[in-house]
Protein backbone atom coordinates (compact mmCIF):
# COMPACT_ATOMS: atom_id res chain seq x y z
CA MET A 1 30.81 2.18 -1.13
CA ALA A 2 28.12 2.58 1.20
CA PHE A 3 25.64 0.61 -1.38
CA PHE A 4 27.76 -2.51 -1.54
CA GLU A 5 28.29 -2.44 2.58
CA SER A 6 24.64 -2.53 2.66
CA LEU A 7 24.82 -5.71 0.42
CA ARG A 8 27.16 -7.04 2.66
CA TYR A 9 25.03 -6.19 5.54
CA PHE A 10 22.01 -8.07 4.13
CA ARG A 11 23.77 -11.07 3.24
CA ASN A 12 25.52 -11.53 6.94
CA ARG A 13 21.93 -10.57 8.27
CA PHE A 14 19.94 -13.19 5.88
CA VAL A 15 22.17 -15.68 4.42
CA ASP A 16 24.94 -16.33 6.60
CA ALA A 17 22.57 -16.22 9.63
CA HIS A 18 20.41 -19.18 8.02
CA GLY A 19 23.03 -21.40 7.04
CA GLY A 20 23.64 -20.24 3.86
CA SER A 21 20.11 -20.32 2.32
CA VAL A 22 17.74 -17.39 1.71
CA PRO A 23 14.71 -17.48 4.12
CA ILE A 24 12.51 -15.98 1.20
CA LYS A 25 9.67 -15.20 3.49
CA ARG A 26 11.72 -12.74 5.57
CA VAL A 27 13.21 -11.15 2.21
CA ARG A 28 9.38 -10.37 1.08
CA GLU A 29 8.33 -9.10 5.03
CA THR A 30 11.62 -6.90 5.29
CA GLY A 31 11.06 -4.84 2.46
CA PHE A 32 11.74 -2.80 -0.27
CA PHE A 33 15.24 -1.92 0.11
CA TYR A 34 16.96 -5.42 0.33
CA ARG A 35 15.26 -6.25 -3.09
CA PHE A 36 16.05 -3.01 -4.50
CA ALA A 37 19.48 -3.15 -3.87
CA VAL A 38 20.20 -6.95 -5.13
CA VAL A 39 18.24 -6.48 -8.27
CA THR A 40 19.72 -2.93 -9.20
CA ALA A 41 23.20 -4.04 -8.48
CA ALA A 42 22.36 -6.91 -11.31
CA LYS A 43 20.89 -4.58 -13.47
CA LEU A 44 24.01 -1.90 -13.60
CA MET A 45 26.65 -4.94 -13.78
CA THR A 46 24.63 -5.88 -17.10
CA ALA A 47 23.82 -2.21 -18.48
CA PHE A 48 27.52 -1.07 -17.71
CA PRO A 49 30.37 -3.72 -18.06
CA ALA A 50 32.89 -0.93 -17.41
CA LEU A 51 31.86 -1.03 -13.92
CA ASN A 52 33.78 -4.19 -13.68
CA ASN A 53 36.86 -2.11 -13.76
CA TYR A 54 36.20 -0.82 -10.46
CA ARG A 55 37.52 -2.41 -7.58
CA ILE A 56 34.85 -2.20 -5.42
CA VAL A 57 32.45 -3.68 -7.81
CA GLY A 58 34.89 -6.20 -8.88
CA ALA A 59 35.20 -7.41 -5.10
CA HIS A 60 31.32 -7.99 -4.99
CA ARG A 61 30.32 -9.13 -8.65
CA GLU A 62 30.57 -12.69 -7.67
CA TYR A 63 28.42 -12.63 -4.52
CA ILE A 64 25.93 -10.49 -6.60
CA ASP A 65 25.37 -13.16 -9.07
CA GLU A 66 25.48 -15.78 -6.74
CA PHE A 67 22.96 -14.11 -4.39
CA VAL A 68 20.37 -13.29 -7.40
CA ALA A 69 20.50 -16.57 -8.63
CA GLU A 70 19.94 -18.01 -5.47
CA LEU A 71 17.24 -15.56 -4.96
CA GLU A 72 15.74 -16.35 -8.05
CA ALA A 73 15.58 -20.16 -7.60
CA LYS A 74 14.16 -19.75 -4.29
CA LEU A 75 11.14 -17.99 -6.09
CA GLU A 76 10.99 -20.76 -8.88
CA SER A 77 10.56 -23.25 -6.02
CA GLU A 78 8.05 -21.45 -4.17
CA GLN A 79 5.94 -20.67 -7.51
CA ALA A 80 6.31 -24.21 -8.29
CA GLU A 81 4.98 -25.45 -4.64
CA ALA A 82 1.99 -22.68 -4.85
CA PHE A 83 0.83 -24.06 -8.29
CA ARG A 84 0.98 -27.55 -6.67
CA LEU A 85 -0.99 -26.56 -3.62
CA ASN A 86 -3.62 -25.05 -5.92
CA GLU A 87 -3.84 -27.68 -7.97
CA MET A 88 -4.39 -30.14 -4.87
CA ARG A 89 -6.95 -27.19 -3.99
CA SER A 90 -8.82 -27.34 -7.24
CA LYS A 91 -9.12 -30.95 -7.22
CA ALA A 92 -10.34 -31.08 -3.85
CA VAL A 93 -13.12 -28.59 -4.40
CA SER A 94 -13.98 -30.30 -7.57
CA ASN A 95 -14.45 -33.77 -5.78
CA PHE A 96 -16.56 -31.96 -2.98
CA HIS A 97 -18.84 -30.61 -5.67
CA LYS A 98 -18.93 -34.13 -7.39
CA VAL A 99 -20.06 -35.81 -4.21
CA SER A 100 -22.43 -33.13 -2.84
CA GLU A 101 -24.48 -32.97 -6.04
CA GLU A 102 -24.58 -36.62 -6.76
CA LYS A 103 -24.61 -37.96 -3.17
CA TYR A 104 -26.56 -35.54 -1.33
CA SER A 105 -28.55 -33.88 -4.36
CA ILE A 106 -27.08 -30.48 -2.76
CA GLU A 107 -26.37 -27.77 -5.73
CA VAL A 108 -23.06 -26.38 -4.78
CA PRO A 109 -22.47 -23.08 -6.61
CA HIS A 110 -19.67 -22.21 -9.02
CA HIS A 111 -19.70 -18.21 -8.48
CA PRO A 112 -19.14 -16.12 -5.35
CA PHE A 113 -22.63 -14.58 -5.33
CA HIS A 114 -25.45 -16.10 -2.96
CA LEU A 115 -28.81 -16.61 -4.92
CA VAL A 116 -31.22 -16.11 -2.17
CA PRO A 117 -33.87 -18.99 -1.83
CA VAL A 118 -37.44 -18.52 -2.04
CA SER A 119 -38.75 -17.51 1.52
CA PRO A 120 -41.85 -16.10 2.76
CA TRP A 121 -40.41 -13.36 5.11
CA PRO A 122 -40.52 -10.50 2.95
CA LEU A 123 -44.36 -10.57 1.82
CA LEU A 124 -45.09 -11.62 5.20
CA THR A 125 -42.99 -8.76 6.93
CA SER A 126 -44.68 -6.36 4.62
CA ILE A 127 -48.05 -7.47 5.62
CA SER A 128 -47.00 -6.99 9.16
CA VAL A 129 -45.46 -3.42 8.62
CA LEU A 130 -48.77 -2.53 6.80
CA GLY A 131 -50.92 -3.69 9.80
CA LEU A 132 -48.35 -1.74 12.16
CA THR A 133 -49.30 1.61 10.19
CA VAL A 134 -53.05 0.88 10.23
CA GLY A 135 -53.14 0.28 14.05
CA ALA A 136 -50.83 3.37 14.75
CA VAL A 137 -53.28 5.45 13.01
CA MET A 138 -56.57 3.66 14.59
CA TYR A 139 -54.68 4.02 18.02
CA MET A 140 -53.84 7.81 17.65
CA HIS A 141 -57.47 8.75 16.36
CA SER A 142 -59.00 6.56 19.40
CA TYR A 143 -60.73 4.38 17.13
CA ALA A 144 -61.80 0.78 18.79
CA ASN A 145 -59.31 -1.79 19.32
CA GLY A 146 -56.95 0.47 17.79
CA GLY A 147 -54.42 -0.32 20.31
CA PHE A 148 -54.94 -4.13 20.00
CA THR A 149 -54.46 -3.76 16.38
CA LEU A 150 -51.25 -1.62 17.06
CA GLY A 151 -49.86 -4.57 19.52
CA LEU A 152 -50.92 -7.28 17.59
CA ALA A 153 -49.05 -5.78 14.24
CA GLY A 154 -46.02 -4.94 16.36
CA LEU A 155 -45.68 -8.24 17.96
CA THR A 156 -46.20 -9.86 14.25
CA THR A 157 -43.81 -7.53 12.77
CA LEU A 158 -40.89 -8.44 15.59
CA THR A 159 -41.40 -12.25 14.62
CA MET A 160 -41.19 -11.75 11.14
CA MET A 161 -38.17 -10.15 11.61
CA THR A 162 -36.75 -12.52 13.82
CA MET A 163 -37.38 -15.38 11.43
CA TRP A 164 -36.00 -13.43 8.52
CA TRP A 165 -32.75 -12.61 10.11
CA ARG A 166 -32.84 -15.78 11.41
CA ASP A 167 -32.32 -17.36 8.07
CA VAL A 168 -29.60 -14.78 7.27
CA VAL A 169 -27.42 -15.62 10.42
CA ARG A 170 -27.85 -19.43 9.49
CA GLU A 171 -26.75 -19.06 5.57
CA GLY A 172 -23.62 -16.29 6.54
CA THR A 173 -22.46 -18.41 9.66
CA TYR A 174 -23.21 -22.44 9.18
CA GLU A 175 -23.80 -22.31 5.16
CA GLY A 176 -20.74 -20.00 4.14
CA ARG A 177 -22.86 -18.32 1.70
CA HIS A 178 -21.45 -14.84 2.82
CA THR A 179 -18.62 -14.91 0.54
CA LYS A 180 -16.43 -11.74 0.03
CA ALA A 181 -18.42 -11.13 -2.79
CA VAL A 182 -21.49 -10.87 -0.84
CA GLN A 183 -20.15 -9.24 2.24
CA GLN A 184 -19.24 -6.14 -0.33
CA GLY A 185 -23.02 -6.05 -1.31
CA LEU A 186 -23.98 -6.33 2.22
CA ARG A 187 -21.74 -3.59 3.17
CA LEU A 188 -23.10 -1.40 0.55
CA GLY A 189 -26.64 -2.08 1.44
CA VAL A 190 -25.82 -0.91 5.09
CA VAL A 191 -24.39 2.04 4.19
CA LEU A 192 -27.21 3.04 1.86
CA PHE A 193 -29.57 2.01 4.46
CA ILE A 194 -27.86 4.74 6.76
CA VAL A 195 -27.97 7.39 4.18
CA SER A 196 -31.93 6.77 3.87
CA GLU A 197 -31.96 7.47 7.56
CA VAL A 198 -29.77 10.67 7.15
CA MET A 199 -32.26 11.64 4.80
CA PHE A 200 -35.07 11.00 7.33
CA PHE A 201 -33.77 12.83 9.98
CA ALA A 202 -32.75 15.54 7.67
CA SER A 203 -36.66 16.04 7.30
CA PHE A 204 -37.11 16.76 11.00
CA PHE A 205 -34.22 19.07 11.12
CA TRP A 206 -35.61 21.15 8.23
CA ALA A 207 -38.85 21.26 10.11
CA PHE A 208 -37.07 22.48 13.13
CA PHE A 209 -35.23 25.35 11.57
CA HIS A 210 -37.79 26.23 8.99
CA SER A 211 -40.03 26.88 12.08
CA SER A 212 -37.38 28.17 14.32
CA LEU A 213 -35.55 30.39 12.18
CA ALA A 214 -38.26 32.51 11.02
CA PRO A 215 -41.18 32.04 13.43
CA ALA A 216 -44.76 32.37 12.22
CA ILE A 217 -47.09 35.11 13.70
CA GLU A 218 -49.31 32.65 15.17
CA ILE A 219 -46.57 31.79 17.78
CA GLY A 220 -45.96 35.27 18.58
CA SER A 221 -42.76 35.55 16.23
CA VAL A 222 -40.61 34.42 18.90
CA TRP A 223 -38.90 31.02 19.26
CA PRO A 224 -39.51 29.20 21.81
CA PRO A 225 -43.18 30.14 21.30
CA HIS A 226 -44.89 32.04 24.04
CA GLY A 227 -46.09 29.65 27.07
CA ILE A 228 -44.00 26.78 26.40
CA GLU A 229 -41.40 25.89 29.33
CA VAL A 230 -38.43 24.49 27.47
CA LEU A 231 -36.04 21.93 28.60
CA SER A 232 -32.73 22.87 30.18
CA PRO A 233 -29.92 21.48 28.27
CA TRP A 234 -27.74 21.11 30.59
CA GLY A 235 -29.89 18.45 32.85
CA VAL A 236 -30.71 15.29 31.39
CA PRO A 237 -29.78 15.88 27.78
CA LEU A 238 -26.27 16.43 28.98
CA LEU A 239 -26.05 13.38 30.46
CA ASN A 240 -27.63 11.48 27.96
CA THR A 241 -25.02 12.68 25.81
CA TYR A 242 -21.95 11.80 27.95
CA ILE A 243 -23.85 8.37 27.81
CA LEU A 244 -23.82 8.09 24.09
CA LEU A 245 -20.42 9.28 23.66
CA TYR A 246 -18.92 6.80 26.09
CA SER A 247 -21.10 3.87 24.33
CA GLY A 248 -19.49 4.60 21.34
CA ILE A 249 -16.32 4.66 22.71
CA THR A 250 -17.30 0.79 24.49
CA ILE A 251 -18.67 -0.50 21.10
CA THR A 252 -15.24 0.81 19.16
CA VAL A 253 -13.16 -0.93 22.05
CA ALA A 254 -14.96 -3.81 21.69
CA HIS A 255 -14.48 -3.92 17.61
CA TYR A 256 -10.85 -3.55 18.14
CA ALA A 257 -10.68 -6.18 20.57
CA LEU A 258 -12.50 -8.69 18.30
CA LEU A 259 -10.24 -7.72 15.52
CA ALA A 260 -7.27 -8.69 17.63
CA GLY A 261 -8.89 -11.89 18.94
CA ASP A 262 -9.52 -10.82 22.65
CA TRP A 263 -13.16 -12.01 23.15
CA LEU A 264 -13.34 -11.73 26.41
CA ASN A 265 -12.91 -7.84 25.95
CA ALA A 266 -15.00 -7.90 22.89
CA ILE A 267 -17.91 -9.35 24.95
CA SER A 268 -16.98 -6.93 27.71
CA GLY A 269 -17.30 -4.05 25.38
CA LEU A 270 -20.38 -5.14 24.09
CA VAL A 271 -22.13 -5.71 27.51
CA GLN A 272 -21.04 -2.26 28.69
CA THR A 273 -22.64 -0.57 25.26
CA VAL A 274 -25.81 -2.48 25.88
CA SER A 275 -26.40 -1.25 29.46
CA LEU A 276 -25.30 2.54 28.39
CA ALA A 277 -28.05 2.07 25.72
CA VAL A 278 -30.72 0.88 28.06
CA PHE A 279 -29.88 3.85 30.66
CA PHE A 280 -30.25 6.47 28.00
CA THR A 281 -33.45 5.04 26.73
CA ALA A 282 -34.47 4.65 30.74
CA LEU A 283 -33.48 8.58 30.96
CA GLN A 284 -35.17 9.73 27.91
CA PHE A 285 -38.49 8.20 29.05
CA LEU A 286 -38.47 10.02 32.22
CA GLU A 287 -37.37 13.02 30.57
CA TYR A 288 -40.75 12.61 28.45
CA VAL A 289 -42.60 12.20 31.74
CA GLU A 290 -41.44 15.03 33.38
CA ALA A 291 -41.52 17.56 30.43
CA PRO A 292 -44.01 20.41 30.92
CA PHE A 293 -45.23 20.49 27.33
CA ASP A 294 -46.42 17.37 25.30
CA ILE A 295 -46.46 16.46 21.01
CA SER A 296 -49.71 18.47 20.85
CA ASP A 297 -48.35 21.79 22.18
CA GLY A 298 -47.83 23.50 18.66
CA VAL A 299 -44.82 23.44 16.40
CA TYR A 300 -42.64 23.25 19.10
CA GLY A 301 -43.91 20.30 21.04
CA SER A 302 -44.55 18.40 17.39
CA THR A 303 -41.12 18.97 16.06
CA PHE A 304 -39.24 18.24 19.53
CA PHE A 305 -41.39 14.93 20.34
CA MET A 306 -40.98 13.71 16.59
CA ALA A 307 -37.16 14.31 16.34
CA THR A 308 -36.18 12.95 19.80
CA GLY A 309 -38.71 10.08 19.71
CA PHE A 310 -37.68 8.76 16.57
CA HIS A 311 -34.15 8.84 18.01
CA GLY A 312 -35.07 7.23 20.84
CA PHE A 313 -36.68 4.44 18.48
CA HIS A 314 -33.61 4.27 16.97
CA VAL A 315 -31.51 3.72 20.07
CA ILE A 316 -33.87 1.08 20.98
CA VAL A 317 -33.45 -0.81 17.55
CA GLY A 318 -29.83 -0.40 17.96
CA THR A 319 -29.94 -1.66 21.47
CA ILE A 320 -31.46 -4.91 20.15
CA PHE A 321 -28.85 -4.84 17.14
CA ILE A 322 -25.93 -4.72 19.40
CA PHE A 323 -27.50 -7.09 21.84
CA VAL A 324 -28.23 -9.87 19.32
CA CYS A 325 -24.41 -9.23 18.20
CA LEU A 326 -23.48 -10.09 21.89
CA ILE A 327 -25.48 -13.29 21.99
CA ARG A 328 -23.79 -14.28 18.42
CA MET A 329 -20.20 -13.16 20.11
CA ARG A 330 -20.72 -15.71 23.12
CA ARG A 331 -21.65 -18.32 20.81
CA ALA A 332 -18.79 -17.80 18.24
CA HIS A 333 -20.37 -16.66 15.51
CA PHE A 334 -17.76 -14.09 14.63
CA THR A 335 -14.08 -14.36 13.58
CA ARG A 336 -11.32 -11.91 13.31
CA SER A 337 -12.03 -11.61 9.70
CA HIS A 338 -15.88 -12.67 9.32
CA HIS A 339 -17.81 -10.21 11.39
CA LEU A 340 -20.27 -8.18 8.84
CA GLY A 341 -23.19 -8.20 11.72
CA PHE A 342 -21.19 -6.69 14.11
CA GLU A 343 -19.53 -4.10 11.68
CA ALA A 344 -23.33 -3.16 10.49
CA ALA A 345 -24.36 -3.15 14.09
CA ALA A 346 -21.43 -0.62 15.17
CA TRP A 347 -21.84 1.77 12.01
CA TYR A 348 -25.44 2.14 12.87
CA TRP A 349 -24.59 3.00 16.32
CA HIS A 350 -22.37 5.43 15.43
CA PHE A 351 -24.91 7.12 13.20
CA VAL A 352 -27.33 7.28 16.20
CA ASP A 353 -24.52 8.73 18.18
CA VAL A 354 -23.95 11.78 15.45
CA VAL A 355 -27.70 12.41 15.49
CA TRP A 356 -28.24 12.80 19.00
CA LEU A 357 -25.07 15.50 18.93
CA PHE A 358 -27.16 17.39 16.21
CA LEU A 359 -30.17 16.91 18.19
CA PHE A 360 -28.79 18.04 21.65
CA VAL A 361 -26.69 21.05 19.92
CA SER A 362 -29.76 22.41 17.76
CA ILE A 363 -33.38 21.50 19.62
CA TYR A 364 -31.82 21.35 23.35
CA PHE A 365 -29.16 23.98 23.36
CA TRP A 366 -29.78 26.43 20.39
CA GLY A 367 -33.65 26.13 20.36
CA SER A 368 -34.06 26.54 24.07
CA ASN A 369 -32.42 30.32 24.16
């Protein structure tokens, strides 16, 4: 009884309320029970003819047959319309390919992947990074022109990165090369890059715990070593922790605002994130200036400045990454469904946040006791 009363309710809701026609889109949206009720009733009538003898079933048999037939007609009509639109789309795409290839000599791909054209930037970037390494070694060992070599190689590396990523932005935003298949590959690349960064920082934590859990006799068999005045974790480090955690919230708010199409709040979230990142870097620099030890003060200074210093470098890289996303956001490069560059920046920034939490707990808090 309740089953057919439900059918009567759905008929009043979706058929009579719409002038006797079935709004097929609403049928799909409103869900499972509605379709289940109609189809199950029809199958029951077919499988068990004896059910027609029951008054409640017989009273609704005509309605069920009529309704199922109307539903099937609507579905067939929609399928025919979808087939017609798909044919029109295929013909338009075919004409576009033909005109592009014949009139403009443009090679239009017939697959979803991006075959990257020949580019000078990978080779030039590799050479500039090699120069950066050589310059850093020369500078650290006080060779002549070491600082000049380091600065020139760093400027060259930034230039190569800018030109390379400019091409990537153009290919994805204006040329439409970043299809869904390409975006999946790029996402996987970003994930693997972050995994490699996790391994990179794992080496610093390994060195720190190897030295602190079993201190060598050369440093007095204690940790921190004798003569090292450690930094309090409840000053600047704790403030920096609050700053990075809040920046993680602001970039998440910006991401959700972008998904909702709220461009003003998305831009506001990115502005706040960049501002907090710059504030964090400034505080970290001041902490280095005021630190009572340096990188040459034994294993403690080495592990402290290597771990926190490389984290600071990643914060600077992430700040540039997010700032570029802010510029692209203002130029309407991102949409609600196509914002892979923003996603990569957000993932990278959350990774920086998590690494800092481990640094704070292990090096600043536990390592100072």
